[in-house]
């Protein structure tokens, strides 16, 4: 059920939130610029996708996988986590630009 400003809520929203909070916990544990960038991109991707998406279930699952994997890769290899988070953010932004250009 959506809130006042959020138009809809998907089934995978509850799957992404624990990983986003895990990312914040990792930042409190070990604050690095790369870690901060990964968590910021994950939260921005989540906010954009949650607010404007309304797309297919497959696209929603792809974003959920990208957000969770970038957070989980953060303690293992920060550079790969940053590349994945940036790629998913660019993917969501591109999809939103195409969606609004088409007027859907």
PDB file of N, CA and C in Angstrom:
ATOM      1  N   UNK A   1       0.845  -1.175   0.000  1.00  0.00           N
ATOM      2  CA  UNK A   1       0.000   0.000   0.000  1.00  0.00           C
ATOM      3  C   UNK A   1       0.887   1.234   0.000  1.00  0.00           C
ATOM      4  N   UNK A   2       0.611   2.148  -0.892  1.00  0.00           N
ATOM      5  CA  UNK A   2       1.437   3.333  -1.038  1.00  0.00           C
ATOM      6  C   UNK A   2       1.096   4.390  -0.005  1.00  0.00           C
ATOM      7  N   UNK A   3       2.026   5.270   0.251  1.00  0.00           N
ATOM      8  CA  UNK A   3       1.827   6.359   1.181  1.00  0.00           C
ATOM      9  C   UNK A   3       1.264   7.571   0.462  1.00  0.00           C
ATOM     10  N   UNK A   4       1.389   8.708   1.096  1.00  0.00           N
ATOM     11  CA  UNK A   4       0.843   9.931   0.538  1.00  0.00           C
ATOM     12  C   UNK A   4       1.554  10.336  -0.742  1.00  0.00           C
ATOM     13  N   UNK A   5       2.878  10.303  -0.757  1.00  0.00           N
ATOM     14  CA  UNK A   5       3.624  10.729  -1.929  1.00  0.00           C
ATOM     15  C   UNK A   5       4.143   9.572  -2.762  1.00  0.00           C
ATOM     16  N   UNK A   6       4.187   8.397  -2.210  1.00  0.00           N
ATOM     17  CA  UNK A   6       4.709   7.251  -2.935  1.00  0.00           C
ATOM     18  C   UNK A   6       3.538   6.542  -3.580  1.00  0.00           C
ATOM     19  N   UNK A   7       3.586   6.423  -4.888  1.00  0.00           N
ATOM     20  CA  UNK A   7       2.445   5.946  -5.644  1.00  0.00           C
ATOM     21  C   UNK A   7       2.136   4.477  -5.523  1.00  0.00           C
ATOM     22  N   UNK A   8       3.109   3.650  -5.225  1.00  0.00           N
ATOM     23  CA  UNK A   8       2.871   2.214  -5.190  1.00  0.00           C
ATOM     24  C   UNK A   8       3.954   1.552  -4.360  1.00  0.00           C
ATOM     25  N   UNK A   9       3.714   0.322  -4.027  1.00  0.00           N
ATOM     26  CA  UNK A   9       4.696  -0.447  -3.274  1.00  0.00           C
ATOM     27  C   UNK A   9       4.716  -1.855  -3.833  1.00  0.00           C
ATOM     28  N   UNK A  10       5.893  -2.349  -4.124  1.00  0.00           N
ATOM     29  CA  UNK A  10       6.005  -3.664  -4.739  1.00  0.00           C
ATOM     30  C   UNK A  10       6.322  -4.726  -3.700  1.00  0.00           C
ATOM     31  N   UNK A  11       6.302  -5.983  -4.177  1.00  0.00           N
ATOM     32  CA  UNK A  11       6.605  -7.097  -3.291  1.00  0.00           C
ATOM     33  C   UNK A  11       8.075  -7.114  -2.904  1.00  0.00           C
ATOM     34  N   UNK A  12       8.947  -6.622  -3.785  1.00  0.00           N
ATOM     35  CA  UNK A  12      10.381  -6.699  -3.515  1.00  0.00           C
ATOM     36  C   UNK A  12      10.894  -5.518  -2.709  1.00  0.00           C
ATOM     37  N   UNK A  13      10.026  -4.568  -2.374  1.00  0.00           N
ATOM     38  CA  UNK A  13      10.459  -3.445  -1.546  1.00  0.00           C
ATOM     39  C   UNK A  13      10.941  -3.947  -0.196  1.00  0.00           C
ATOM     40  N   UNK A  14      10.215  -4.896   0.371  1.00  0.00           N
ATOM     41  CA  UNK A  14      10.612  -5.424   1.674  1.00  0.00           C
ATOM     42  C   UNK A  14      11.903  -6.231   1.584  1.00  0.00           C
ATOM     43  N   UNK A  15      12.275  -6.676   0.382  1.00  0.00           N
ATOM     44  CA  UNK A  15      13.528  -7.406   0.223  1.00  0.00           C
ATOM     45  C   UNK A  15      14.728  -6.470   0.146  1.00  0.00           C
ATOM     46  N   UNK A  16      14.532  -5.257  -0.342  1.00  0.00           N
ATOM     47  CA  UNK A  16      15.642  -4.317  -0.489  1.00  0.00           C
ATOM     48  C   UNK A  16      15.969  -3.581   0.804  1.00  0.00           C
ATOM     49  N   UNK A  17      14.983  -3.295   1.605  1.00  0.00           N
ATOM     50  CA  UNK A  17      15.206  -2.469   2.793  1.00  0.00           C
ATOM     51  C   UNK A  17      16.220  -3.056   3.778  1.00  0.00           C
ATOM     52  N   UNK A  18      16.195  -4.360   4.083  1.00  0.00           N
ATOM     53  CA  UNK A  18      17.233  -4.869   4.998  1.00  0.00           C
ATOM     54  C   UNK A  18      18.648  -4.677   4.461  1.00  0.00           C
ATOM     55  N   UNK A  19      18.831  -4.807   3.154  1.00  0.00           N
ATOM     56  CA  UNK A  19      20.158  -4.611   2.573  1.00  0.00           C
ATOM     57  C   UNK A  19      20.573  -3.148   2.628  1.00  0.00           C
ATOM     58  N   UNK A  20      19.623  -2.242   2.457  1.00  0.00           N
ATOM     59  CA  UNK A  20      19.947  -0.821   2.551  1.00  0.00           C
ATOM     60  C   UNK A  20      20.346  -0.443   3.975  1.00  0.00           C
ATOM     61  N   UNK A  21      19.644  -1.003   4.956  1.00  0.00           N
ATOM     62  CA  UNK A  21      20.021  -0.739   6.347  1.00  0.00           C
ATOM     63  C   UNK A  21      21.337  -1.420   6.710  1.00  0.00           C
ATOM     64  N   UNK A  22      21.600  -2.580   6.105  1.00  0.00           N
ATOM     65  CA  UNK A  22      22.897  -3.232   6.287  1.00  0.00           C
ATOM     66  C   UNK A  22      24.017  -2.347   5.739  1.00  0.00           C
ATOM     67  N   UNK A  23      23.762  -1.701   4.612  1.00  0.00           N
ATOM     68  CA  UNK A  23      24.747  -0.775   4.055  1.00  0.00           C
ATOM     69  C   UNK A  23      25.029   0.392   4.990  1.00  0.00           C
ATOM     70  N   UNK A  24      23.980   0.928   5.611  1.00  0.00           N
ATOM     71  CA  UNK A  24      24.196   2.004   6.586  1.00  0.00           C
ATOM     72  C   UNK A  24      24.991   1.506   7.788  1.00  0.00           C
ATOM     73  N   UNK A  25      24.707   0.281   8.225  1.00  0.00           N
ATOM     74  CA  UNK A  25      25.457  -0.291   9.344  1.00  0.00           C
ATOM     75  C   UNK A  25      26.927  -0.485   8.970  1.00  0.00           C
ATOM     76  N   UNK A  26      27.182  -0.901   7.731  1.00  0.00           N
ATOM     77  CA  UNK A  26      28.567  -1.045   7.282  1.00  0.00           C
ATOM     78  C   UNK A  26      29.292   0.297   7.268  1.00  0.00           C
ATOM     79  N   UNK A  27      28.565   1.364   6.937  1.00  0.00           N
ATOM     80  CA  UNK A  27      29.187   2.692   6.960  1.00  0.00           C
ATOM     81  C   UNK A  27      29.543   3.121   8.375  1.00  0.00           C
ATOM     82  N   UNK A  28      28.679   2.792   9.339  1.00  0.00           N
ATOM     83  CA  UNK A  28      29.000   3.126  10.723  1.00  0.00           C
ATOM     84  C   UNK A  28      30.173   2.299  11.238  1.00  0.00           C
ATOM     85  N   UNK A  29      30.302   1.092  10.716  1.00  0.00           N
ATOM     86  CA  UNK A  29      31.387   0.215  11.141  1.00  0.00           C
ATOM     87  C   UNK A  29      32.716   0.651  10.536  1.00  0.00           C
ATOM     88  N   UNK A  30      32.698   0.938   9.219  1.00  0.00           N
ATOM     89  CA  UNK A  30      33.929   1.321   8.523  1.00  0.00           C
ATOM     90  C   UNK A  30      33.573   2.358   7.458  1.00  0.00           C
ATOM     91  N   UNK A  31      33.797   3.606   7.765  1.00  0.00           N
ATOM     92  CA  UNK A  31      33.445   4.697   6.856  1.00  0.00           C
ATOM     93  C   UNK A  31      34.572   4.914   5.851  1.00  0.00           C
ATOM     94  N   UNK A  32      34.264   4.658   4.587  1.00  0.00           N
ATOM     95  CA  UNK A  32      35.199   4.920   3.493  1.00  0.00           C
ATOM     96  C   UNK A  32      34.460   5.704   2.416  1.00  0.00           C
ATOM     97  N   UNK A  33      35.161   6.486   1.616  1.00  0.00           N
ATOM     98  CA  UNK A  33      34.490   7.227   0.540  1.00  0.00           C
ATOM     99  C   UNK A  33      33.797   6.303  -0.465  1.00  0.00           C
ATOM    100  N   UNK A  34      34.435   5.194  -0.800  1.00  0.00           N
ATOM    101  CA  UNK A  34      33.818   4.263  -1.749  1.00  0.00           C
ATOM    102  C   UNK A  34      32.580   3.626  -1.145  1.00  0.00           C
ATOM    103  N   UNK A  35      32.653   3.247   0.114  1.00  0.00           N
ATOM    104  CA  UNK A  35      31.486   2.673   0.785  1.00  0.00           C
ATOM    105  C   UNK A  35      30.335   3.659   0.865  1.00  0.00           C
ATOM    106  N   UNK A  36      30.662   4.913   1.152  1.00  0.00           N
ATOM    107  CA  UNK A  36      29.624   5.943   1.198  1.00  0.00           C
ATOM    108  C   UNK A  36      28.982   6.133  -0.171  1.00  0.00           C
ATOM    109  N   UNK A  37      29.786   6.066  -1.233  1.00  0.00           N
ATOM    110  CA  UNK A  37      29.250   6.207  -2.585  1.00  0.00           C
ATOM    111  C   UNK A  37      28.330   5.040  -2.934  1.00  0.00           C
ATOM    112  N   UNK A  38      28.719   3.831  -2.572  1.00  0.00           N
ATOM    113  CA  UNK A  38      27.898   2.652  -2.869  1.00  0.00           C
ATOM    114  C   UNK A  38      26.563   2.734  -2.142  1.00  0.00           C
ATOM    115  N   UNK A  39      26.596   3.076  -0.862  1.00  0.00           N
ATOM    116  CA  UNK A  39      25.357   3.151  -0.087  1.00  0.00           C
ATOM    117  C   UNK A  39      24.484   4.303  -0.584  1.00  0.00           C
ATOM    118  N   UNK A  40      25.093   5.438  -0.917  1.00  0.00           N
ATOM    119  CA  UNK A  40      24.325   6.566  -1.453  1.00  0.00           C
ATOM    120  C   UNK A  40      23.661   6.204  -2.776  1.00  0.00           C
ATOM    121  N   UNK A  41      24.400   5.564  -3.669  1.00  0.00           N
ATOM    122  CA  UNK A  41      23.815   5.151  -4.947  1.00  0.00           C
ATOM    123  C   UNK A  41      22.716   4.118  -4.750  1.00  0.00           C
ATOM    124  N   UNK A  42      22.894   3.218  -3.798  1.00  0.00           N
ATOM    125  CA  UNK A  42      21.857   2.215  -3.526  1.00  0.00           C
ATOM    126  C   UNK A  42      20.585   2.882  -3.012  1.00  0.00           C
ATOM    127  N   UNK A  43      20.721   3.834  -2.098  1.00  0.00           N
ATOM    128  CA  UNK A  43      19.545   4.540  -1.588  1.00  0.00           C
ATOM    129  C   UNK A  43      18.890   5.399  -2.670  1.00  0.00           C
ATOM    130  N   UNK A  44      19.689   6.064  -3.504  1.00  0.00           N
ATOM    131  CA  UNK A  44      19.116   6.860  -4.595  1.00  0.00           C
ATOM    132  C   UNK A  44      18.392   5.978  -5.604  1.00  0.00           C
ATOM    133  N   UNK A  45      18.985   4.836  -5.916  1.00  0.00           N
ATOM    134  CA  UNK A  45      18.337   3.900  -6.833  1.00  0.00           C
ATOM    135  C   UNK A  45      17.027   3.416  -6.251  1.00  0.00           C
ATOM    136  N   UNK A  46      17.045   3.070  -4.979  1.00  0.00           N
ATOM    137  CA  UNK A  46      15.824   2.620  -4.311  1.00  0.00           C
ATOM    138  C   UNK A  46      14.755   3.708  -4.328  1.00  0.00           C
ATOM    139  N   UNK A  47      15.140   4.945  -4.015  1.00  0.00           N
ATOM    140  CA  UNK A  47      14.164   6.036  -3.973  1.00  0.00           C
ATOM    141  C   UNK A  47      13.586   6.323  -5.356  1.00  0.00           C
ATOM    142  N   UNK A  48      14.428   6.356  -6.377  1.00  0.00           N
ATOM    143  CA  UNK A  48      13.935   6.607  -7.736  1.00  0.00           C
ATOM    144  C   UNK A  48      13.025   5.485  -8.214  1.00  0.00           C
ATOM    145  N   UNK A  49      13.459   4.266  -7.988  1.00  0.00           N
ATOM    146  CA  UNK A  49      12.678   3.122  -8.446  1.00  0.00           C
ATOM    147  C   UNK A  49      11.366   3.023  -7.682  1.00  0.00           C
ATOM    148  N   UNK A  50      11.409   3.304  -6.392  1.00  0.00           N
ATOM    149  CA  UNK A  50      10.212   3.214  -5.565  1.00  0.00           C
ATOM    150  C   UNK A  50       9.207   4.307  -5.919  1.00  0.00           C
ATOM    151  N   UNK A  51       9.698   5.481  -6.246  1.00  0.00           N
ATOM    152  CA  UNK A  51       8.807   6.611  -6.517  1.00  0.00           C
ATOM    153  C   UNK A  51       8.252   6.616  -7.936  1.00  0.00           C
ATOM    154  N   UNK A  52       9.090   6.350  -8.926  1.00  0.00           N
ATOM    155  CA  UNK A  52       8.691   6.574 -10.308  1.00  0.00           C
ATOM    156  C   UNK A  52       8.547   5.328 -11.153  1.00  0.00           C
ATOM    157  N   UNK A  53       8.990   4.198 -10.690  1.00  0.00           N
ATOM    158  CA  UNK A  53       9.119   3.047 -11.591  1.00  0.00           C
ATOM    159  C   UNK A  53       7.783   2.565 -12.117  1.00  0.00           C
ATOM    160  N   UNK A  54       7.094   1.717 -11.407  1.00  0.00           N
ATOM    161  CA  UNK A  54       5.826   1.173 -11.879  1.00  0.00           C
ATOM    162  C   UNK A  54       5.983   0.271 -13.084  1.00  0.00           C
ATOM    163  N   UNK A  55       7.156  -0.262 -13.290  1.00  0.00           N
ATOM    164  CA  UNK A  55       7.445  -1.094 -14.454  1.00  0.00           C
ATOM    165  C   UNK A  55       7.106  -2.551 -14.212  1.00  0.00           C
ATOM    166  N   UNK A  56       7.789  -3.398 -14.917  1.00  0.00           N
ATOM    167  CA  UNK A  56       7.515  -4.824 -14.839  1.00  0.00           C
ATOM    168  C   UNK A  56       8.115  -5.428 -13.574  1.00  0.00           C
ATOM    169  N   UNK A  57       7.650  -6.615 -13.271  1.00  0.00           N
ATOM    170  CA  UNK A  57       8.166  -7.339 -12.114  1.00  0.00           C
ATOM    171  C   UNK A  57       9.633  -7.719 -12.329  1.00  0.00           C
ATOM    172  N   UNK A  58       9.991  -8.039 -13.573  1.00  0.00           N
ATOM    173  CA  UNK A  58      11.372  -8.416 -13.864  1.00  0.00           C
ATOM    174  C   UNK A  58      12.319  -7.241 -13.631  1.00  0.00           C
ATOM    175  N   UNK A  59      11.902  -6.052 -14.048  1.00  0.00           N
ATOM    176  CA  UNK A  59      12.720  -4.866 -13.814  1.00  0.00           C
ATOM    177  C   UNK A  59      12.860  -4.563 -12.337  1.00  0.00           C
ATOM    178  N   UNK A  60      11.783  -4.765 -11.593  1.00  0.00           N
ATOM    179  CA  UNK A  60      11.810  -4.545 -10.158  1.00  0.00           C
ATOM    180  C   UNK A  60      12.764  -5.524  -9.478  1.00  0.00           C
ATOM    181  N   UNK A  61      12.747  -6.777  -9.922  1.00  0.00           N
ATOM    182  CA  UNK A  61      13.648  -7.779  -9.352  1.00  0.00           C
ATOM    183  C   UNK A  61      15.098  -7.497  -9.728  1.00  0.00           C
ATOM    184  N   UNK A  62      15.322  -6.969 -10.925  1.00  0.00           N
ATOM    185  CA  UNK A  62      16.681  -6.621 -11.335  1.00  0.00           C
ATOM    186  C   UNK A  62      17.252  -5.523 -10.446  1.00  0.00           C
ATOM    187  N   UNK A  63      16.451  -4.528 -10.148  1.00  0.00           N
ATOM    188  CA  UNK A  63      16.903  -3.446  -9.274  1.00  0.00           C
ATOM    189  C   UNK A  63      17.137  -3.974  -7.861  1.00  0.00           C
ATOM    190  N   UNK A  64      16.248  -4.841  -7.383  1.00  0.00           N
ATOM    191  CA  UNK A  64      16.428  -5.421  -6.046  1.00  0.00           C
ATOM    192  C   UNK A  64      17.718  -6.226  -5.970  1.00  0.00           C
ATOM    193  N   UNK A  65      18.000  -6.991  -7.013  1.00  0.00           N
ATOM    194  CA  UNK A  65      19.232  -7.781  -7.046  1.00  0.00           C
ATOM    195  C   UNK A  65      20.462  -6.876  -7.105  1.00  0.00           C
ATOM    196  N   UNK A  66      20.398  -5.827  -7.919  1.00  0.00           N
ATOM    197  CA  UNK A  66      21.533  -4.911  -8.026  1.00  0.00           C
ATOM    198  C   UNK A  66      21.822  -4.175  -6.736  1.00  0.00           C
ATOM    199  N   UNK A  67      20.774  -3.723  -6.056  1.00  0.00           N
ATOM    200  CA  UNK A  67      20.959  -3.008  -4.792  1.00  0.00           C
ATOM    201  C   UNK A  67      21.516  -3.949  -3.728  1.00  0.00           C
ATOM    202  N   UNK A  68      20.941  -5.135  -3.617  1.00  0.00           N
ATOM    203  CA  UNK A  68      21.395  -6.059  -2.576  1.00  0.00           C
ATOM    204  C   UNK A  68      22.805  -6.572  -2.857  1.00  0.00           C
ATOM    205  N   UNK A  69      23.118  -6.865  -4.115  1.00  0.00           N
ATOM    206  CA  UNK A  69      24.449  -7.383  -4.431  1.00  0.00           C
ATOM    207  C   UNK A  69      25.532  -6.323  -4.227  1.00  0.00           C
ATOM    208  N   UNK A  70      25.245  -5.077  -4.563  1.00  0.00           N
ATOM    209  CA  UNK A  70      26.266  -4.041  -4.355  1.00  0.00           C
ATOM    210  C   UNK A  70      26.548  -3.840  -2.867  1.00  0.00           C
ATOM    211  N   UNK A  71      25.521  -3.943  -2.034  1.00  0.00           N
ATOM    212  CA  UNK A  71      25.729  -3.813  -0.589  1.00  0.00           C
ATOM    213  C   UNK A  71      26.486  -5.025  -0.047  1.00  0.00           C
ATOM    214  N   UNK A  72      26.131  -6.222  -0.528  1.00  0.00           N
ATOM    215  CA  UNK A  72      26.809  -7.424  -0.040  1.00  0.00           C
ATOM    216  C   UNK A  72      28.261  -7.503  -0.504  1.00  0.00           C
ATOM    217  N   UNK A  73      28.562  -6.952  -1.673  1.00  0.00           N
ATOM    218  CA  UNK A  73      29.937  -6.959  -2.167  1.00  0.00           C
ATOM    219  C   UNK A  73      30.815  -5.891  -1.514  1.00  0.00           C
ATOM    220  N   UNK A  74      30.199  -4.958  -0.836  1.00  0.00           N
ATOM    221  CA  UNK A  74      30.942  -3.843  -0.248  1.00  0.00           C
ATOM    222  C   UNK A  74      32.069  -4.286   0.687  1.00  0.00           C
ATOM    223  N   UNK A  75      31.847  -5.208   1.626  1.00  0.00           N
ATOM    224  CA  UNK A  75      32.975  -5.606   2.484  1.00  0.00           C
ATOM    225  C   UNK A  75      34.016  -6.462   1.757  1.00  0.00           C
ATOM    226  N   UNK A  76      33.618  -7.116   0.668  1.00  0.00           N
ATOM    227  CA  UNK A  76      34.538  -8.009  -0.036  1.00  0.00           C
ATOM    228  C   UNK A  76      35.438  -7.270  -1.016  1.00  0.00           C
ATOM    229  N   UNK A  77      34.819  -6.431  -1.859  1.00  0.00           N
ATOM    230  CA  UNK A  77      35.605  -5.699  -2.857  1.00  0.00           C
ATOM    231  C   UNK A  77      34.862  -4.409  -3.185  1.00  0.00           C
ATOM    232  N   UNK A  78      35.372  -3.295  -2.695  1.00  0.00           N
ATOM    233  CA  UNK A  78      34.669  -2.019  -2.824  1.00  0.00           C
ATOM    234  C   UNK A  78      34.558  -1.543  -4.265  1.00  0.00           C
ATOM    235  N   UNK A  79      35.568  -1.799  -5.080  1.00  0.00           N
ATOM    236  CA  UNK A  79      35.544  -1.310  -6.465  1.00  0.00           C
ATOM    237  C   UNK A  79      34.453  -2.005  -7.273  1.00  0.00           C
ATOM    238  N   UNK A  80      34.311  -3.305  -7.108  1.00  0.00           N
ATOM    239  CA  UNK A  80      33.261  -4.033  -7.831  1.00  0.00           C
ATOM    240  C   UNK A  80      31.889  -3.597  -7.341  1.00  0.00           C
ATOM    241  N   UNK A  81      31.746  -3.390  -6.039  1.00  0.00           N
ATOM    242  CA  UNK A  81      30.473  -2.925  -5.491  1.00  0.00           C
ATOM    243  C   UNK A  81      30.119  -1.546  -6.037  1.00  0.00           C
ATOM    244  N   UNK A  82      31.112  -0.680  -6.165  1.00  0.00           N
ATOM    245  CA  UNK A  82      30.861   0.665  -6.685  1.00  0.00           C
ATOM    246  C   UNK A  82      30.461   0.621  -8.158  1.00  0.00           C
ATOM    247  N   UNK A  83      31.125  -0.202  -8.943  1.00  0.00           N
ATOM    248  CA  UNK A  83      30.778  -0.334 -10.365  1.00  0.00           C
ATOM    249  C   UNK A  83      29.365  -0.872 -10.522  1.00  0.00           C
ATOM    250  N   UNK A  84      29.010  -1.889  -9.737  1.00  0.00           N
ATOM    251  CA  UNK A  84      27.665  -2.460  -9.821  1.00  0.00           C
ATOM    252  C   UNK A  84      26.605  -1.448  -9.395  1.00  0.00           C
ATOM    253  N   UNK A  85      26.846  -0.727  -8.305  1.00  0.00           N
ATOM    254  CA  UNK A  85      25.884   0.274  -7.841  1.00  0.00           C
ATOM    255  C   UNK A  85      25.717   1.390  -8.868  1.00  0.00           C
ATOM    256  N   UNK A  86      26.818   1.832  -9.456  1.00  0.00           N
ATOM    257  CA  UNK A  86      26.747   2.873 -10.480  1.00  0.00           C
ATOM    258  C   UNK A  86      26.015   2.379 -11.722  1.00  0.00           C
ATOM    259  N   UNK A  87      26.282   1.147 -12.131  1.00  0.00           N
ATOM    260  CA  UNK A  87      25.616   0.574 -13.300  1.00  0.00           C
ATOM    261  C   UNK A  87      24.112   0.473 -13.083  1.00  0.00           C
ATOM    262  N   UNK A  88      23.687   0.002 -11.932  1.00  0.00           N
ATOM    263  CA  UNK A  88      22.254  -0.126 -11.651  1.00  0.00           C
ATOM    264  C   UNK A  88      21.604   1.252 -11.573  1.00  0.00           C
ATOM    265  N   UNK A  89      22.293   2.235 -10.986  1.00  0.00           N
ATOM    266  CA  UNK A  89      21.751   3.592 -10.922  1.00  0.00           C
ATOM    267  C   UNK A  89      21.577   4.174 -12.323  1.00  0.00           C
ATOM    268  N   UNK A  90      22.579   4.008 -13.175  1.00  0.00           N
ATOM    269  CA  UNK A  90      22.482   4.497 -14.559  1.00  0.00           C
ATOM    270  C   UNK A  90      21.376   3.768 -15.307  1.00  0.00           C
ATOM    271  N   UNK A  91      21.230   2.477 -15.066  1.00  0.00           N
ATOM    272  CA  UNK A  91      20.170   1.698 -15.706  1.00  0.00           C
ATOM    273  C   UNK A  91      18.786   2.214 -15.321  1.00  0.00           C
ATOM    274  N   UNK A  92      18.584   2.494 -14.052  1.00  0.00           N
ATOM    275  CA  UNK A  92      17.292   3.012 -13.586  1.00  0.00           C
ATOM    276  C   UNK A  92      17.050   4.409 -14.140  1.00  0.00           C
ATOM    277  N   UNK A  93      18.069   5.269 -14.131  1.00  0.00           N
ATOM    278  CA  UNK A  93      17.906   6.618 -14.675  1.00  0.00           C
ATOM    279  C   UNK A  93      17.580   6.580 -16.165  1.00  0.00           C
ATOM    280  N   UNK A  94      18.243   5.712 -16.916  1.00  0.00           N
ATOM    281  CA  UNK A  94      17.966   5.585 -18.348  1.00  0.00           C
ATOM    282  C   UNK A  94      16.542   5.112 -18.586  1.00  0.00           C
ATOM    283  N   UNK A  95      16.106   4.136 -17.816  1.00  0.00           N
ATOM    284  CA  UNK A  95      14.738   3.634 -17.966  1.00  0.00           C
ATOM    285  C   UNK A  95      13.715   4.715 -17.637  1.00  0.00           C
ATOM    286  N   UNK A  96      13.990   5.521 -16.623  1.00  0.00           N
ATOM    287  CA  UNK A  96      13.061   6.595 -16.273  1.00  0.00           C
ATOM    288  C   UNK A  96      13.026   7.688 -17.333  1.00  0.00           C
ATOM    289  N   UNK A  97      14.178   8.034 -17.898  1.00  0.00           N
ATOM    290  CA  UNK A  97      14.209   9.039 -18.968  1.00  0.00           C
ATOM    291  C   UNK A  97      13.416   8.544 -20.169  1.00  0.00           C
ATOM    292  N   UNK A  98      13.611   7.300 -20.542  1.00  0.00           N
ATOM    293  CA  UNK A  98      12.860   6.734 -21.670  1.00  0.00           C
ATOM    294  C   UNK A  98      11.376   6.695 -21.353  1.00  0.00           C
ATOM    295  N   UNK A  99      11.027   6.330 -20.129  1.00  0.00           N
ATOM    296  CA  UNK A  99       9.618   6.263 -19.735  1.00  0.00           C
ATOM    297  C   UNK A  99       8.954   7.635 -19.836  1.00  0.00           C
ATOM    298  N   UNK A 100       9.634   8.680 -19.354  1.00  0.00           N
ATOM    299  CA  UNK A 100       9.029  10.005 -19.381  1.00  0.00           C
ATOM    300  C   UNK A 100       9.080  10.646 -20.760  1.00  0.00           C
ATOM    301  N   UNK A 101      10.062  10.292 -21.586  1.00  0.00           N
ATOM    302  CA  UNK A 101      10.103  10.799 -22.964  1.00  0.00           C
ATOM    303  C   UNK A 101       8.961  10.226 -23.785  1.00  0.00           C
ATOM    304  N   UNK A 102       8.611   8.971 -23.518  1.00  0.00           N
ATOM    305  CA  UNK A 102       7.520   8.326 -24.251  1.00  0.00           C
ATOM    306  C   UNK A 102       6.158   8.755 -23.727  1.00  0.00           C
ATOM    307  N   UNK A 103       6.142   9.339 -22.534  1.00  0.00           N
ATOM    308  CA  UNK A 103       4.881   9.788 -21.967  1.00  0.00           C
ATOM    309  C   UNK A 103       4.078   8.685 -21.320  1.00  0.00           C
ATOM    310  N   UNK A 104       4.748   7.627 -20.895  1.00  0.00           N
ATOM    311  CA  UNK A 104       4.029   6.491 -20.309  1.00  0.00           C
ATOM    312  C   UNK A 104       3.734   6.725 -18.888  1.00  0.00           C
TER     313      UNK A 104
END
